Amino acid sequence: MPKKISEATRRDLIDSLLLENVQWAGRLEEPDFLARIFDVNALPSKDYRFTNAYRDIWQHRVNNLRDWDDDWIFYDSRFDLLHADDDLFLTFLCETLHPVVRSGPEEVERLRQMYNLFLRKDGYELVERARMAGRPVFAARQASDVDLTSLESLKESLPEGGFTYIARQITRMESSIEGDPDLAIGTAKELVETVCRTILSERGVQAPPSIDLSQLVKLTTKELKLTPADIREEDAAADAIRRLLGSLGTITQSLAEIRNRFGTGHGKAADAKGLGSVHAKLSVGAASTLALFLQETHQSTRTK
């Protein structure tokens, strides 16, 4: 992996960790944390009394109650994180969020967002790639230039009961836009379907299991009173609002057709060609905007 993360970005990250008093090793002792990344038993000691880095670090950060500064790891020449290759620096950051290292989901997500705030300036971001005991394991990737605002807003608006599955769909879309556009397209359609079924279920409406996506969205918009017929003549710009609401059906029909031809979920010939990331971004953007609109309308009308 070429070196793209600047020293300025690394120093900004280090300063932020210090300002927020974040223990980078989490609930592990520092030599045990570093052993997950480096062969600390083979690295030299800086203290003549010990034969390797593990014993050295243990003495000065555990046994002597931290007689080195908390940011020592970033300036120690044996690890050289300030100037190391990007993959090593990113691995270090991912390990600080690992379920073995840090267990609090709120702290993990807060740190990930802080990391990404700086990393995206240099073209990287940390995203969920797997799960361990129900908690996310993160990996680095090239930052996507797709606008994920709607996806983040959708996460925040979700009911607690439906969060886990829908959040997993959102994560799958985020992480596959560049590397697996077909998966992102297929998941975009599934996201709209899941949100619609969740809304209808919470409103006591039973949707037929075999209903197609277009009919499912129509049923949802009818329940939410979002059909063109629900707009009163005296409403300002009534015709424009009707046309906009009518376009919801076009979006969902297009999503279904793209997914059926190019997305995952349907068998295709071995030599079939898929679409690229630009089409995946379009599908994910449309699906997330539609899902967010339906979910927010559902929540606001339920509150009223």
C-alpha atoms as a PDB file:
ATOM      1  CA  MET A   1       0.000   0.000   0.000  1.00  0.00           C
ATOM      2  CA  PRO A   2       1.608   3.315  -1.049  1.00  0.00           C
ATOM      3  CA  LYS A   3       2.215   5.951   1.582  1.00  0.00           C
ATOM      4  CA  LYS A   4      -0.548   8.582   1.350  1.00  0.00           C
ATOM      5  CA  ILE A   5      -1.265   9.407   4.997  1.00  0.00           C
ATOM      6  CA  SER A   6       0.696  12.568   5.696  1.00  0.00           C
ATOM      7  CA  GLU A   7       2.692  13.234   8.823  1.00  0.00           C
ATOM      8  CA  ALA A   8       0.353  16.179   9.493  1.00  0.00           C
ATOM      9  CA  THR A   9      -2.660  13.851   9.517  1.00  0.00           C
ATOM     10  CA  ARG A  10      -0.871  11.412  11.818  1.00  0.00           C
ATOM     11  CA  ARG A  11       0.067  14.172  14.248  1.00  0.00           C
ATOM     12  CA  ASP A  12      -3.522  15.463  14.227  1.00  0.00           C
ATOM     13  CA  LEU A  13      -4.738  11.968  15.123  1.00  0.00           C
ATOM     14  CA  ILE A  14      -2.161  11.628  17.888  1.00  0.00           C
ATOM     15  CA  ASP A  15      -3.068  15.036  19.337  1.00  0.00           C
ATOM     16  CA  SER A  16      -6.765  14.123  19.313  1.00  0.00           C
ATOM     17  CA  LEU A  17      -6.109  10.864  21.153  1.00  0.00           C
ATOM     18  CA  LEU A  18      -4.145  12.750  23.801  1.00  0.00           C
ATOM     19  CA  LEU A  19      -6.713  15.544  24.148  1.00  0.00           C
ATOM     20  CA  GLU A  20      -9.501  13.008  24.674  1.00  0.00           C
ATOM     21  CA  ASN A  21      -7.323  10.921  26.987  1.00  0.00           C
ATOM     22  CA  VAL A  22      -7.866   7.784  24.895  1.00  0.00           C
ATOM     23  CA  GLN A  23      -5.868   4.755  25.996  1.00  0.00           C
ATOM     24  CA  TRP A  24      -4.824   3.318  22.643  1.00  0.00           C
ATOM     25  CA  ALA A  25      -4.314  -0.180  24.109  1.00  0.00           C
ATOM     26  CA  GLY A  26      -7.840  -0.214  25.517  1.00  0.00           C
ATOM     27  CA  ARG A  27      -8.333  -2.884  28.157  1.00  0.00           C
ATOM     28  CA  LEU A  28      -5.088  -4.672  27.242  1.00  0.00           C
ATOM     29  CA  GLU A  29      -1.682  -3.990  28.713  1.00  0.00           C
ATOM     30  CA  GLU A  30       0.384  -2.097  26.154  1.00  0.00           C
ATOM     31  CA  PRO A  31       2.951  -4.842  25.428  1.00  0.00           C
ATOM     32  CA  ASP A  32       0.111  -7.329  24.890  1.00  0.00           C
ATOM     33  CA  PHE A  33      -1.651  -4.928  22.541  1.00  0.00           C
ATOM     34  CA  LEU A  34       1.523  -4.362  20.523  1.00  0.00           C
ATOM     35  CA  ALA A  35       2.132  -8.099  20.334  1.00  0.00           C
ATOM     36  CA  ARG A  36      -1.014  -8.307  18.174  1.00  0.00           C
ATOM     37  CA  ILE A  37       0.819  -6.277  15.490  1.00  0.00           C
ATOM     38  CA  PHE A  38       4.576  -6.567  16.114  1.00  0.00           C
ATOM     39  CA  ASP A  39       6.956  -9.313  17.188  1.00  0.00           C
ATOM     40  CA  VAL A  40       7.810  -7.497  20.402  1.00  0.00           C
ATOM     41  CA  ASN A  41       9.809 -10.463  21.692  1.00  0.00           C
ATOM     42  CA  ALA A  42      12.208 -10.070  18.751  1.00  0.00           C
ATOM     43  CA  LEU A  43      12.504  -6.272  18.863  1.00  0.00           C
ATOM     44  CA  PRO A  44      15.371  -4.869  20.976  1.00  0.00           C
ATOM     45  CA  SER A  45      15.053  -3.334  24.423  1.00  0.00           C
ATOM     46  CA  LYS A  46      16.049   0.261  25.114  1.00  0.00           C
ATOM     47  CA  ASP A  47      16.724  -0.654  28.734  1.00  0.00           C
ATOM     48  CA  TYR A  48      19.987  -2.582  29.219  1.00  0.00           C
ATOM     49  CA  ARG A  49      18.352  -4.707  31.914  1.00  0.00           C
ATOM     50  CA  PHE A  50      16.060  -6.466  29.444  1.00  0.00           C
ATOM     51  CA  THR A  51      16.565  -8.527  26.319  1.00  0.00           C
ATOM     52  CA  ASN A  52      13.541  -7.515  24.246  1.00  0.00           C
ATOM     53  CA  ALA A  53      10.935  -4.832  23.691  1.00  0.00           C
ATOM     54  CA  TYR A  54       8.160  -6.728  25.465  1.00  0.00           C
ATOM     55  CA  ARG A  55      10.042  -6.760  28.797  1.00  0.00           C
ATOM     56  CA  ASP A  56      11.178  -3.171  28.242  1.00  0.00           C
ATOM     57  CA  ILE A  57       7.632  -1.875  27.659  1.00  0.00           C
ATOM     58  CA  TRP A  58       6.223  -3.917  30.521  1.00  0.00           C
ATOM     59  CA  GLN A  59       8.749  -2.414  32.926  1.00  0.00           C
ATOM     60  CA  HIS A  60       8.186   1.207  31.934  1.00  0.00           C
ATOM     61  CA  ARG A  61       4.450   1.209  31.182  1.00  0.00           C
ATOM     62  CA  VAL A  62       3.058  -1.405  33.555  1.00  0.00           C
ATOM     63  CA  ASN A  63       5.438  -2.200  36.380  1.00  0.00           C
ATOM     64  CA  ASN A  64       6.635   1.378  36.877  1.00  0.00           C
ATOM     65  CA  LEU A  65       3.143   2.822  36.509  1.00  0.00           C
ATOM     66  CA  ARG A  66       3.705   4.510  33.145  1.00  0.00           C
ATOM     67  CA  ASP A  67       6.986   6.347  33.529  1.00  0.00           C
ATOM     68  CA  TRP A  68       6.957   6.956  29.755  1.00  0.00           C
ATOM     69  CA  ASP A  69       4.616   9.530  28.206  1.00  0.00           C
ATOM     70  CA  ASP A  70       1.268   8.183  26.972  1.00  0.00           C
ATOM     71  CA  ASP A  71       2.141   8.966  23.336  1.00  0.00           C
ATOM     72  CA  TRP A  72       5.513   7.195  23.482  1.00  0.00           C
ATOM     73  CA  ILE A  73       4.431   4.548  20.945  1.00  0.00           C
ATOM     74  CA  PHE A  74       4.125   7.092  18.124  1.00  0.00           C
ATOM     75  CA  TYR A  75       7.699   8.334  18.541  1.00  0.00           C
ATOM     76  CA  ASP A  76       9.527   5.107  19.394  1.00  0.00           C
ATOM     77  CA  SER A  77      11.902   4.286  16.509  1.00  0.00           C
ATOM     78  CA  ARG A  78      11.257   0.545  16.901  1.00  0.00           C
ATOM     79  CA  PHE A  79       7.668   1.049  15.726  1.00  0.00           C
ATOM     80  CA  ASP A  80       8.002   4.384  13.880  1.00  0.00           C
ATOM     81  CA  LEU A  81       4.258   4.870  13.471  1.00  0.00           C
ATOM     82  CA  LEU A  82       4.732   8.513  12.601  1.00  0.00           C
ATOM     83  CA  HIS A  83       6.545   7.525   9.391  1.00  0.00           C
ATOM     84  CA  ALA A  84       5.492   3.897   8.861  1.00  0.00           C
ATOM     85  CA  ASP A  85       3.776   2.610   5.729  1.00  0.00           C
ATOM     86  CA  ASP A  86       0.069   3.324   5.538  1.00  0.00           C
ATOM     87  CA  ASP A  87      -0.945  -0.303   5.994  1.00  0.00           C
ATOM     88  CA  LEU A  88       0.911  -0.548   9.316  1.00  0.00           C
ATOM     89  CA  PHE A  89      -0.485   2.738  10.602  1.00  0.00           C
ATOM     90  CA  LEU A  90      -4.020   1.776   9.569  1.00  0.00           C
ATOM     91  CA  THR A  91      -3.650  -1.667  11.136  1.00  0.00           C
ATOM     92  CA  PHE A  92      -2.675   0.016  14.402  1.00  0.00           C
ATOM     93  CA  LEU A  93      -5.806   2.201  14.307  1.00  0.00           C
ATOM     94  CA  CYS A  94      -8.058  -0.754  13.473  1.00  0.00           C
ATOM     95  CA  GLU A  95      -6.627  -2.740  16.362  1.00  0.00           C
ATOM     96  CA  THR A  96      -7.480   0.078  18.797  1.00  0.00           C
ATOM     97  CA  LEU A  97     -11.141  -0.552  17.854  1.00  0.00           C
ATOM     98  CA  HIS A  98     -11.030  -4.358  17.935  1.00  0.00           C
ATOM     99  CA  PRO A  99     -13.589  -6.096  20.218  1.00  0.00           C
ATOM    100  CA  VAL A 100     -10.742  -7.769  22.119  1.00  0.00           C
ATOM    101  CA  VAL A 101      -9.237  -4.347  22.814  1.00  0.00           C
ATOM    102  CA  ARG A 102     -12.268  -2.099  23.329  1.00  0.00           C
ATOM    103  CA  SER A 103     -15.735  -3.281  24.307  1.00  0.00           C
ATOM    104  CA  GLY A 104     -17.875  -0.127  24.546  1.00  0.00           C
ATOM    105  CA  PRO A 105     -19.812   0.305  21.256  1.00  0.00           C
ATOM    106  CA  GLU A 106     -20.356   4.032  21.753  1.00  0.00           C
ATOM    107  CA  GLU A 107     -16.645   4.685  22.349  1.00  0.00           C
ATOM    108  CA  VAL A 108     -15.688   2.497  19.373  1.00  0.00           C
ATOM    109  CA  GLU A 109     -18.005   4.384  17.024  1.00  0.00           C
ATOM    110  CA  ARG A 110     -16.898   7.769  18.380  1.00  0.00           C
ATOM    111  CA  LEU A 111     -13.238   6.879  17.798  1.00  0.00           C
ATOM    112  CA  ARG A 112     -13.943   5.492  14.331  1.00  0.00           C
ATOM    113  CA  GLN A 113     -15.678   8.706  13.324  1.00  0.00           C
ATOM    114  CA  MET A 114     -12.772  10.736  14.700  1.00  0.00           C
ATOM    115  CA  TYR A 115     -10.241   8.604  12.808  1.00  0.00           C
ATOM    116  CA  ASN A 116     -12.214   8.910   9.576  1.00  0.00           C
ATOM    117  CA  LEU A 117     -12.513  12.667   9.940  1.00  0.00           C
ATOM    118  CA  PHE A 118      -8.723  12.888   9.557  1.00  0.00           C
ATOM    119  CA  LEU A 119      -8.097   9.854   7.325  1.00  0.00           C
ATOM    120  CA  ARG A 120     -10.554  10.903   4.606  1.00  0.00           C
ATOM    121  CA  LYS A 121      -8.392  13.969   3.939  1.00  0.00           C
ATOM    122  CA  ASP A 122      -5.755  11.541   2.682  1.00  0.00           C
ATOM    123  CA  GLY A 123      -8.108   9.126   0.950  1.00  0.00           C
ATOM    124  CA  TYR A 124      -8.763   6.416   3.550  1.00  0.00           C
ATOM    125  CA  GLU A 125     -11.537   5.381   5.922  1.00  0.00           C
ATOM    126  CA  LEU A 126     -12.201   2.589   8.411  1.00  0.00           C
ATOM    127  CA  VAL A 127     -15.298   0.473   7.767  1.00  0.00           C
ATOM    128  CA  GLU A 128     -16.828  -2.631   9.297  1.00  0.00           C
ATOM    129  CA  ARG A 129     -15.713  -5.796   7.501  1.00  0.00           C
ATOM    130  CA  ALA A 130     -16.696  -8.571   9.926  1.00  0.00           C
ATOM    131  CA  ARG A 131     -18.336  -9.297  13.282  1.00  0.00           C
ATOM    132  CA  MET A 132     -16.972 -10.908  16.430  1.00  0.00           C
ATOM    133  CA  ALA A 133     -19.418 -11.766  19.221  1.00  0.00           C
ATOM    134  CA  GLY A 134     -21.882  -9.359  17.630  1.00  0.00           C
ATOM    135  CA  ARG A 135     -19.408  -6.468  17.587  1.00  0.00           C
ATOM    136  CA  PRO A 136     -17.741  -4.904  14.536  1.00  0.00           C
ATOM    137  CA  VAL A 137     -14.218  -5.632  13.348  1.00  0.00           C
ATOM    138  CA  PHE A 138     -12.863  -2.831  11.178  1.00  0.00           C
ATOM    139  CA  ALA A 139     -10.559  -2.667   8.182  1.00  0.00           C
ATOM    140  CA  ALA A 140      -9.202   0.194   6.094  1.00  0.00           C
ATOM    141  CA  ARG A 141     -10.192   0.953   2.515  1.00  0.00           C
ATOM    142  CA  GLN A 142      -9.852   3.725  -0.024  1.00  0.00           C
ATOM    143  CA  ALA A 143     -12.385   6.375   0.965  1.00  0.00           C
ATOM    144  CA  SER A 144     -15.545   6.371  -1.113  1.00  0.00           C
ATOM    145  CA  ASP A 145     -16.625   9.690  -2.599  1.00  0.00           C
ATOM    146  CA  VAL A 146     -20.286   8.701  -2.404  1.00  0.00           C
ATOM    147  CA  ASP A 147     -22.340  10.972  -0.145  1.00  0.00           C
ATOM    148  CA  LEU A 148     -23.182   8.804   2.861  1.00  0.00           C
ATOM    149  CA  THR A 149     -25.141  11.496   4.710  1.00  0.00           C
ATOM    150  CA  SER A 150     -28.466   9.791   4.052  1.00  0.00           C
ATOM    151  CA  LEU A 151     -27.115   6.472   5.264  1.00  0.00           C
ATOM    152  CA  GLU A 152     -25.881   7.987   8.524  1.00  0.00           C
ATOM    153  CA  SER A 153     -29.191   9.828   8.999  1.00  0.00           C
ATOM    154  CA  LEU A 154     -31.073   6.603   8.345  1.00  0.00           C
ATOM    155  CA  LYS A 155     -29.070   4.804  11.033  1.00  0.00           C
ATOM    156  CA  GLU A 156     -29.995   7.500  13.543  1.00  0.00           C
ATOM    157  CA  SER A 157     -33.699   7.354  12.693  1.00  0.00           C
ATOM    158  CA  LEU A 158     -34.095   3.581  12.954  1.00  0.00           C
ATOM    159  CA  PRO A 159     -36.176   1.979  15.689  1.00  0.00           C
ATOM    160  CA  GLU A 160     -34.122  -0.051  18.141  1.00  0.00           C
ATOM    161  CA  GLY A 161     -35.745  -3.351  17.204  1.00  0.00           C
ATOM    162  CA  GLY A 162     -34.916  -3.075  13.514  1.00  0.00           C
ATOM    163  CA  PHE A 163     -31.530  -1.437  13.830  1.00  0.00           C
ATOM    164  CA  THR A 164     -29.215  -4.450  13.744  1.00  0.00           C
ATOM    165  CA  TYR A 165     -30.327  -5.963  10.454  1.00  0.00           C
ATOM    166  CA  ILE A 166     -30.778  -2.657   8.626  1.00  0.00           C
ATOM    167  CA  ALA A 167     -27.459  -1.335   9.941  1.00  0.00           C
ATOM    168  CA  ARG A 168     -25.810  -4.484   8.589  1.00  0.00           C
ATOM    169  CA  GLN A 169     -27.326  -3.782   5.158  1.00  0.00           C
ATOM    170  CA  ILE A 170     -26.055  -0.201   5.291  1.00  0.00           C
ATOM    171  CA  THR A 171     -22.573  -1.381   6.252  1.00  0.00           C
ATOM    172  CA  ARG A 172     -22.607  -3.936   3.436  1.00  0.00           C
ATOM    173  CA  MET A 173     -23.470  -1.199   0.923  1.00  0.00           C
ATOM    174  CA  GLU A 174     -20.833   1.183   2.260  1.00  0.00           C
ATOM    175  CA  SER A 175     -18.060  -1.394   2.091  1.00  0.00           C
ATOM    176  CA  SER A 176     -18.940  -2.876  -1.314  1.00  0.00           C
ATOM    177  CA  ILE A 177     -19.531   0.217  -3.478  1.00  0.00           C
ATOM    178  CA  GLU A 178     -15.966   0.168  -4.813  1.00  0.00           C
ATOM    179  CA  GLY A 179     -14.978  -3.488  -4.489  1.00  0.00           C
ATOM    180  CA  ASP A 180     -18.259  -5.277  -5.281  1.00  0.00           C
ATOM    181  CA  PRO A 181     -20.759  -2.960  -7.044  1.00  0.00           C
ATOM    182  CA  ASP A 182     -23.165  -5.843  -7.764  1.00  0.00           C
ATOM    183  CA  LEU A 183     -23.476  -6.519  -4.033  1.00  0.00           C
ATOM    184  CA  ALA A 184     -24.054  -2.822  -3.291  1.00  0.00           C
ATOM    185  CA  ILE A 185     -26.810  -2.671  -5.940  1.00  0.00           C
ATOM    186  CA  GLY A 186     -28.495  -5.819  -4.654  1.00  0.00           C
ATOM    187  CA  THR A 187     -28.341  -4.611  -1.062  1.00  0.00           C
ATOM    188  CA  ALA A 188     -29.771  -1.187  -2.019  1.00  0.00           C
ATOM    189  CA  LYS A 189     -32.971  -2.858  -3.202  1.00  0.00           C
ATOM    190  CA  GLU A 190     -33.078  -5.049  -0.081  1.00  0.00           C
ATOM    191  CA  LEU A 191     -32.683  -1.949   2.136  1.00  0.00           C
ATOM    192  CA  VAL A 192     -35.808  -0.295   0.705  1.00  0.00           C
ATOM    193  CA  GLU A 193     -37.722  -3.551   1.051  1.00  0.00           C
ATOM    194  CA  THR A 194     -36.631  -4.003   4.675  1.00  0.00           C
ATOM    195  CA  VAL A 195     -37.522  -0.415   5.645  1.00  0.00           C
ATOM    196  CA  CYS A 196     -40.963  -0.721   4.008  1.00  0.00           C
ATOM    197  CA  ARG A 197     -41.741  -4.024   5.728  1.00  0.00           C
ATOM    198  CA  THR A 198     -40.555  -2.608   9.067  1.00  0.00           C
ATOM    199  CA  ILE A 199     -42.810   0.457   8.720  1.00  0.00           C
ATOM    200  CA  LEU A 200     -45.842  -1.620   7.727  1.00  0.00           C
ATOM    201  CA  SER A 201     -45.242  -4.081  10.560  1.00  0.00           C
ATOM    202  CA  GLU A 202     -45.070  -1.278  13.129  1.00  0.00           C
ATOM    203  CA  ARG A 203     -48.350   0.078  11.759  1.00  0.00           C
ATOM    204  CA  GLY A 204     -50.077  -3.290  11.934  1.00  0.00           C
ATOM    205  CA  VAL A 205     -50.260  -3.789   8.165  1.00  0.00           C
ATOM    206  CA  GLN A 206     -49.496  -7.251   6.795  1.00  0.00           C
ATOM    207  CA  ALA A 207     -47.621  -7.183   3.478  1.00  0.00           C
ATOM    208  CA  PRO A 208     -47.934 -10.322   1.307  1.00  0.00           C
ATOM    209  CA  PRO A 209     -44.645 -12.293   1.314  1.00  0.00           C
ATOM    210  CA  SER A 210     -44.500 -12.434  -2.494  1.00  0.00           C
ATOM    211  CA  ILE A 211     -45.249  -8.753  -3.164  1.00  0.00           C
ATOM    212  CA  ASP A 212     -42.745  -7.065  -5.505  1.00  0.00           C
ATOM    213  CA  LEU A 213     -40.790  -3.963  -4.547  1.00  0.00           C
ATOM    214  CA  SER A 214     -42.895  -1.466  -6.495  1.00  0.00           C
ATOM    215  CA  GLN A 215     -46.134  -2.724  -4.963  1.00  0.00           C
ATOM    216  CA  LEU A 216     -44.518  -2.801  -1.515  1.00  0.00           C
ATOM    217  CA  VAL A 217     -43.488   0.856  -1.776  1.00  0.00           C
ATOM    218  CA  LYS A 218     -46.959   1.775  -3.038  1.00  0.00           C
ATOM    219  CA  LEU A 219     -48.502   0.022  -0.054  1.00  0.00           C
ATOM    220  CA  THR A 220     -46.133   1.866   2.292  1.00  0.00           C
ATOM    221  CA  THR A 221     -46.747   5.288   0.749  1.00  0.00           C
ATOM    222  CA  LYS A 222     -50.488   4.686   0.871  1.00  0.00           C
ATOM    223  CA  GLU A 223     -50.241   3.847   4.583  1.00  0.00           C
ATOM    224  CA  LEU A 224     -48.151   6.989   5.140  1.00  0.00           C
ATOM    225  CA  LYS A 225     -50.638   9.051   3.060  1.00  0.00           C
ATOM    226  CA  LEU A 226     -47.934   9.993   0.585  1.00  0.00           C
ATOM    227  CA  THR A 227     -49.749   9.144  -2.619  1.00  0.00           C
ATOM    228  CA  PRO A 228     -50.525  11.924  -5.135  1.00  0.00           C
ATOM    229  CA  ALA A 229     -54.239  11.549  -4.323  1.00  0.00           C
ATOM    230  CA  ASP A 230     -53.516  12.569  -0.710  1.00  0.00           C
ATOM    231  CA  ILE A 231     -52.386  16.055  -1.745  1.00  0.00           C
ATOM    232  CA  ARG A 232     -55.110  18.684  -1.334  1.00  0.00           C
ATOM    233  CA  GLU A 233     -55.829  21.047  -4.219  1.00  0.00           C
ATOM    234  CA  GLU A 234     -55.323  24.053  -1.954  1.00  0.00           C
ATOM    235  CA  ASP A 235     -51.781  22.977  -1.020  1.00  0.00           C
ATOM    236  CA  ALA A 236     -49.143  25.212  -2.542  1.00  0.00           C
ATOM    237  CA  ALA A 237     -47.415  23.639  -5.549  1.00  0.00           C
ATOM    238  CA  ALA A 238     -49.841  20.708  -5.408  1.00  0.00           C
ATOM    239  CA  ASP A 239     -49.036  19.548  -8.951  1.00  0.00           C
ATOM    240  CA  ALA A 240     -45.285  19.590  -8.304  1.00  0.00           C
ATOM    241  CA  ILE A 241     -45.723  17.629  -5.086  1.00  0.00           C
ATOM    242  CA  ARG A 242     -47.858  15.043  -6.901  1.00  0.00           C
ATOM    243  CA  ARG A 243     -45.216  14.626  -9.591  1.00  0.00           C
ATOM    244  CA  LEU A 244     -42.490  14.243  -6.979  1.00  0.00           C
ATOM    245  CA  LEU A 245     -44.430  11.622  -5.045  1.00  0.00           C
ATOM    246  CA  GLY A 246     -45.263   9.854  -8.272  1.00  0.00           C
ATOM    247  CA  SER A 247     -41.543   9.595  -9.012  1.00  0.00           C
ATOM    248  CA  LEU A 248     -41.137   7.326  -5.964  1.00  0.00           C
ATOM    249  CA  GLY A 249     -42.627   4.545  -8.037  1.00  0.00           C
ATOM    250  CA  THR A 250     -40.163   5.234 -10.850  1.00  0.00           C
ATOM    251  CA  ILE A 251     -37.210   5.066  -8.450  1.00  0.00           C
ATOM    252  CA  THR A 252     -38.310   1.772  -6.962  1.00  0.00           C
ATOM    253  CA  GLN A 253     -39.098   0.242 -10.351  1.00  0.00           C
ATOM    254  CA  SER A 254     -35.645   1.250 -11.613  1.00  0.00           C
ATOM    255  CA  LEU A 255     -33.978  -0.153  -8.506  1.00  0.00           C
ATOM    256  CA  ALA A 256     -35.773  -3.451  -8.951  1.00  0.00           C
ATOM    257  CA  GLU A 257     -34.826  -3.681 -12.635  1.00  0.00           C
ATOM    258  CA  ILE A 258     -31.162  -2.819 -12.021  1.00  0.00           C
ATOM    259  CA  ARG A 259     -30.969  -5.299  -9.177  1.00  0.00           C
ATOM    260  CA  ASN A 260     -32.588  -8.051 -11.262  1.00  0.00           C
ATOM    261  CA  ARG A 261     -30.167  -7.528 -14.144  1.00  0.00           C
ATOM    262  CA  PHE A 262     -26.945  -6.658 -12.357  1.00  0.00           C
ATOM    263  CA  GLY A 263     -27.246  -7.017  -8.575  1.00  0.00           C
ATOM    264  CA  THR A 264     -26.750 -10.063  -6.401  1.00  0.00           C
ATOM    265  CA  GLY A 265     -29.685 -12.325  -5.631  1.00  0.00           C
ATOM    266  CA  HIS A 266     -30.297 -13.750  -9.093  1.00  0.00           C
ATOM    267  CA  GLY A 267     -28.173 -16.301 -10.926  1.00  0.00           C
ATOM    268  CA  LYS A 268     -26.427 -15.021 -14.049  1.00  0.00           C
ATOM    269  CA  ALA A 269     -24.250 -16.500 -16.747  1.00  0.00           C
ATOM    270  CA  ALA A 270     -20.624 -17.005 -15.787  1.00  0.00           C
ATOM    271  CA  ASP A 271     -19.472 -14.427 -18.358  1.00  0.00           C
ATOM    272  CA  ALA A 272     -22.091 -11.821 -17.421  1.00  0.00           C
ATOM    273  CA  LYS A 273     -20.712  -8.309 -16.972  1.00  0.00           C
ATOM    274  CA  GLY A 274     -21.780  -6.184 -14.020  1.00  0.00           C
ATOM    275  CA  LEU A 275     -21.983  -2.442 -13.575  1.00  0.00           C
ATOM    276  CA  GLY A 276     -19.302  -0.243 -12.060  1.00  0.00           C
ATOM    277  CA  SER A 277     -18.994   1.669  -8.813  1.00  0.00           C
ATOM    278  CA  VAL A 278     -20.558   4.794 -10.333  1.00  0.00           C
ATOM    279  CA  HIS A 279     -23.796   2.864 -10.900  1.00  0.00           C
ATOM    280  CA  ALA A 280     -23.570   1.382  -7.411  1.00  0.00           C
ATOM    281  CA  LYS A 281     -23.259   4.891  -5.958  1.00  0.00           C
ATOM    282  CA  LEU A 282     -26.352   5.983  -7.866  1.00  0.00           C
ATOM    283  CA  SER A 283     -28.356   2.979  -6.632  1.00  0.00           C
ATOM    284  CA  VAL A 284     -27.163   3.336  -3.026  1.00  0.00           C
ATOM    285  CA  GLY A 285     -27.858   7.086  -3.057  1.00  0.00           C
ATOM    286  CA  ALA A 286     -31.373   6.642  -4.432  1.00  0.00           C
ATOM    287  CA  ALA A 287     -32.213   3.771  -2.086  1.00  0.00           C
ATOM    288  CA  SER A 288     -30.900   5.495   1.038  1.00  0.00           C
ATOM    289  CA  THR A 289     -32.666   8.786   0.243  1.00  0.00           C
ATOM    290  CA  LEU A 290     -35.954   6.987  -0.359  1.00  0.00           C
ATOM    291  CA  ALA A 291     -35.578   4.816   2.752  1.00  0.00           C
ATOM    292  CA  LEU A 292     -34.744   7.835   4.903  1.00  0.00           C
ATOM    293  CA  PHE A 293     -37.746   9.779   3.562  1.00  0.00           C
ATOM    294  CA  LEU A 294     -40.124   6.906   4.316  1.00  0.00           C
ATOM    295  CA  GLN A 295     -38.651   6.235   7.752  1.00  0.00           C
ATOM    296  CA  GLU A 296     -38.709   9.888   8.841  1.00  0.00           C
ATOM    297  CA  THR A 297     -42.289  10.313   7.593  1.00  0.00           C
ATOM    298  CA  HIS A 298     -43.281   7.183   9.491  1.00  0.00           C
ATOM    299  CA  GLN A 299     -41.687   8.454  12.713  1.00  0.00           C
ATOM    300  CA  SER A 300     -43.098  11.979  12.458  1.00  0.00           C
ATOM    301  CA  THR A 301     -46.661  10.887  11.703  1.00  0.00           C
ATOM    302  CA  ARG A 302     -46.572   8.281  14.482  1.00  0.00           C
ATOM    303  CA  THR A 303     -45.459  10.974  16.929  1.00  0.00           C
ATOM    304  CA  LYS A 304     -48.324  13.232  15.870  1.00  0.00           C
END
